[in-house]
Protein backbone atom coordinates (compact mmCIF):
# COMPACT_ATOMS: atom_id res chain seq x y z
CA UNK A 1 0.00 0.00 0.00
CA UNK A 2 2.81 2.39 0.94
CA UNK A 3 4.74 1.75 -2.28
CA UNK A 4 1.58 2.20 -4.40
CA UNK A 5 0.83 5.51 -2.67
CA UNK A 6 4.42 6.66 -3.15
CA UNK A 7 4.20 5.77 -6.85
CA UNK A 8 0.94 7.71 -7.13
CA UNK A 9 2.59 10.77 -5.57
CA UNK A 10 5.46 10.53 -8.07
CA UNK A 11 3.07 10.32 -11.01
CA UNK A 12 1.01 13.23 -9.68
CA UNK A 13 4.11 15.36 -9.13
CA UNK A 14 5.32 14.51 -12.61
CA UNK A 15 2.01 15.65 -14.10
CA UNK A 16 2.20 18.93 -12.18
CA UNK A 17 5.74 19.53 -13.42
CA UNK A 18 4.65 18.84 -16.99
CA UNK A 19 1.83 21.38 -16.70
CA UNK A 20 4.31 23.91 -15.31
CA UNK A 21 6.62 23.47 -18.29
CA UNK A 22 3.88 23.77 -20.90
CA UNK A 23 3.97 27.06 -22.83
CA UNK A 24 6.84 28.45 -20.76
CA UNK A 25 9.79 26.74 -22.44
CA UNK A 26 11.13 28.47 -25.52
CA UNK A 27 11.11 26.30 -28.62
CA UNK A 28 14.17 24.90 -30.37
CA UNK A 29 16.40 24.73 -27.32
CA UNK A 30 19.03 22.00 -27.15
CA UNK A 31 20.21 20.12 -24.07
CA UNK A 32 23.32 17.95 -23.94
CA UNK A 33 23.49 15.47 -21.08
CA UNK A 34 27.15 14.78 -20.35
CA UNK A 35 27.54 12.00 -17.84
CA UNK A 36 28.39 8.43 -16.97
CA UNK A 37 26.40 5.23 -16.37
CA UNK A 38 23.99 7.08 -14.07
CA UNK A 39 22.77 9.03 -17.09
CA UNK A 40 23.37 6.31 -19.69
CA UNK A 41 20.67 4.02 -18.24
CA UNK A 42 23.16 1.32 -17.30
CA UNK A 43 21.53 -2.06 -16.70
CA UNK A 44 18.04 -0.95 -17.71
CA UNK A 45 16.23 -0.20 -21.00
CA UNK A 46 17.37 3.18 -22.31
CA UNK A 47 13.76 4.26 -22.77
CA UNK A 48 13.27 3.96 -19.00
CA UNK A 49 16.29 6.07 -18.07
CA UNK A 50 15.79 9.51 -16.54
CA UNK A 51 17.17 11.25 -19.63
CA UNK A 52 14.53 9.71 -21.88
CA UNK A 53 11.85 10.39 -19.28
CA UNK A 54 12.96 14.03 -19.31
CA UNK A 55 12.68 14.03 -23.10
CA UNK A 56 9.08 12.87 -22.79
CA UNK A 57 8.28 15.46 -20.09
CA UNK A 58 9.71 18.42 -21.99
CA UNK A 59 8.25 17.41 -25.33
CA UNK A 60 9.21 18.59 -28.79
CA UNK A 61 10.11 22.09 -27.64
CA UNK A 62 13.48 20.81 -26.44
CA UNK A 63 15.97 18.65 -28.32
CA UNK A 64 17.92 16.38 -25.96
CA UNK A 65 21.20 14.65 -26.85
CA UNK A 66 22.66 12.13 -24.44
CA UNK A 67 26.44 11.90 -24.66
CA UNK A 68 26.77 9.87 -21.47
CA UNK A 69 29.02 6.79 -21.41
CA UNK A 70 29.12 4.10 -18.74
CA UNK A 71 32.43 4.15 -16.90
CA UNK A 72 33.26 7.68 -18.04
CA UNK A 73 35.62 9.80 -15.93
CA UNK A 74 36.00 13.56 -15.89
CA UNK A 75 39.19 13.19 -17.95
CA UNK A 76 37.35 11.23 -20.62
CA UNK A 77 34.50 13.70 -20.59
CA UNK A 78 36.89 16.60 -20.97
CA UNK A 79 38.64 14.94 -23.92
CA UNK A 80 35.36 14.28 -25.75
CA UNK A 81 33.57 17.54 -25.00
CA UNK A 82 34.99 19.93 -27.63
CA UNK A 83 33.82 17.70 -30.48
CA UNK A 84 30.36 17.31 -28.92
CA UNK A 85 29.99 21.05 -28.47
CA UNK A 86 30.71 21.64 -32.15
CA UNK A 87 28.33 18.90 -33.23
CA UNK A 88 25.36 19.51 -30.92
CA UNK A 89 25.69 23.26 -30.27
CA UNK A 90 23.72 22.93 -27.00
CA UNK A 91 22.03 25.77 -25.17
CA UNK A 92 22.35 23.83 -21.91
CA UNK A 93 24.72 21.13 -20.72
CA UNK A 94 23.74 18.90 -17.81
CA UNK A 95 27.15 17.97 -16.42
CA UNK A 96 26.99 14.69 -14.49
CA UNK A 97 30.52 13.39 -14.11
CA UNK A 98 32.82 12.56 -11.22
CA UNK A 99 31.37 9.40 -9.69
CA UNK A 100 33.91 7.13 -11.40
CA UNK A 101 36.73 9.44 -10.37
CA UNK A 102 35.64 9.02 -6.76
CA UNK A 103 35.28 5.26 -7.00
CA UNK A 104 38.82 5.04 -8.42
CA UNK A 105 40.30 7.28 -5.75
CA UNK A 106 41.39 9.96 -8.20
CA UNK A 107 42.51 13.14 -6.49
CA UNK A 108 39.57 15.54 -5.93
CA UNK A 109 41.89 18.27 -7.16
CA UNK A 110 42.19 16.51 -10.54
CA UNK A 111 38.43 15.95 -10.74
CA UNK A 112 37.74 19.57 -9.88
CA UNK A 113 40.23 20.79 -12.47
CA UNK A 114 38.67 18.64 -15.21
CA UNK A 115 35.15 19.81 -14.36
CA UNK A 116 36.37 23.38 -14.22
CA UNK A 117 37.77 23.07 -17.74
CA UNK A 118 34.54 21.54 -19.03
CA UNK A 119 32.49 24.37 -17.54
CA UNK A 120 34.77 26.94 -19.17
CA UNK A 121 34.53 25.15 -22.53
CA UNK A 122 30.74 25.11 -22.28
CA UNK A 123 30.54 28.78 -21.39
CA UNK A 124 32.90 29.65 -24.24
CA UNK A 125 30.44 27.87 -26.53
CA UNK A 126 27.59 29.98 -25.08
CA UNK A 127 26.04 27.01 -23.29
CA UNK A 128 24.63 27.20 -19.78
CA UNK A 129 25.80 24.50 -17.38
CA UNK A 130 23.66 22.64 -14.87
CA UNK A 131 25.97 20.84 -12.45
CA UNK A 132 24.90 17.61 -10.78
CA UNK A 133 26.82 16.89 -7.59
CA UNK A 134 27.81 13.49 -6.27
CA UNK A 135 28.62 11.76 -3.00
CA UNK A 136 30.61 8.57 -2.47
CA UNK A 137 31.08 6.10 0.41
CA UNK A 138 34.10 6.76 2.66
CA UNK A 139 36.12 3.92 1.10
CA UNK A 140 39.18 6.15 0.88
CA UNK A 141 38.59 7.83 4.21
CA UNK A 142 36.24 10.51 5.44
CA UNK A 143 38.57 13.36 4.45
CA UNK A 144 38.64 12.19 0.83
CA UNK A 145 34.84 11.86 0.68
CA UNK A 146 34.35 15.34 2.12
CA UNK A 147 36.80 16.94 -0.33
CA UNK A 148 35.14 15.08 -3.19
CA UNK A 149 31.65 16.24 -2.23
CA UNK A 150 32.80 19.80 -1.61
CA UNK A 151 34.38 20.26 -5.04
CA UNK A 152 30.96 20.28 -6.73
CA UNK A 153 29.48 22.96 -4.51
CA UNK A 154 32.69 24.99 -4.85
CA UNK A 155 32.39 24.97 -8.65
CA UNK A 156 28.68 25.75 -8.53
CA UNK A 157 29.40 28.74 -6.31
CA UNK A 158 32.37 29.91 -8.37
CA UNK A 159 30.41 30.00 -11.62
CA UNK A 160 26.95 30.64 -10.12
CA UNK A 161 25.64 27.46 -11.74
CA UNK A 162 22.22 25.86 -11.41
CA UNK A 163 23.07 23.02 -9.05
CA UNK A 164 21.62 19.75 -7.76
CA UNK A 165 23.79 18.76 -4.83
CA UNK A 166 23.03 15.02 -4.92
CA UNK A 167 20.44 13.77 -7.38
CA UNK A 168 20.47 10.22 -5.95
CA UNK A 169 19.61 11.34 -2.44
CA UNK A 170 16.09 9.88 -2.46
CA UNK A 171 17.21 6.68 -4.18
CA UNK A 172 20.14 5.34 -2.18
CA UNK A 173 18.07 5.14 1.00
CA UNK A 174 16.07 2.23 -0.46
CA UNK A 175 17.93 -0.87 -1.71
CA UNK A 176 14.85 -1.84 -3.72
CA UNK A 177 15.64 1.13 -5.96
CA UNK A 178 19.18 -0.10 -6.65
CA UNK A 179 20.41 -2.87 -8.91
CA UNK A 180 22.29 -5.86 -7.49
CA UNK A 181 25.58 -3.95 -7.50
CA UNK A 182 23.97 -1.45 -5.09
CA UNK A 183 25.45 1.35 -7.18
CA UNK A 184 23.15 1.79 -10.17
CA UNK A 185 19.48 2.79 -9.87
CA UNK A 186 16.72 0.54 -11.16
CA UNK A 187 14.05 1.45 -13.69
CA UNK A 188 11.72 2.23 -10.78
CA UNK A 189 14.22 4.78 -9.46
CA UNK A 190 14.43 6.80 -12.67
CA UNK A 191 11.25 8.90 -12.17
CA UNK A 192 12.52 9.77 -8.68
CA UNK A 193 15.85 10.88 -10.11
CA UNK A 194 14.08 12.97 -12.71
CA UNK A 195 12.03 14.73 -10.05
CA UNK A 196 15.30 15.85 -8.43
CA UNK A 197 16.63 17.27 -11.68
CA UNK A 198 13.67 18.50 -13.74
CA UNK A 199 12.78 21.62 -11.69
CA UNK A 200 16.31 22.97 -12.14
CA UNK A 201 16.26 22.16 -15.85
CA UNK A 202 12.88 23.81 -16.33
CA UNK A 203 13.97 26.94 -14.51
CA UNK A 204 17.13 27.16 -16.61
CA UNK A 205 15.16 26.72 -19.84
CA UNK A 206 12.96 29.68 -18.91
CA UNK A 207 15.87 32.06 -18.53
Foldseek 3Di string as FASTA:
>chain_A
DVVVVVVVVLVVVLVVLLVVLPPQFAAPAEEEEEEACQQCVPPAPSCLALQVVVCVSNDRRYHYHYPYYHLDALVNSLVPPVVVCVVRVHQEYEYYHDPNCVVVVPQLVVRLVSVLSNCVSCVVSNHAYEYEFDFDPQPVHPVRRVSNLVSRVVSCVVVVHNYQSHLCVVPLVDQVQADPVSPHGDSVCRSSSNVSPVVSVSVVSND
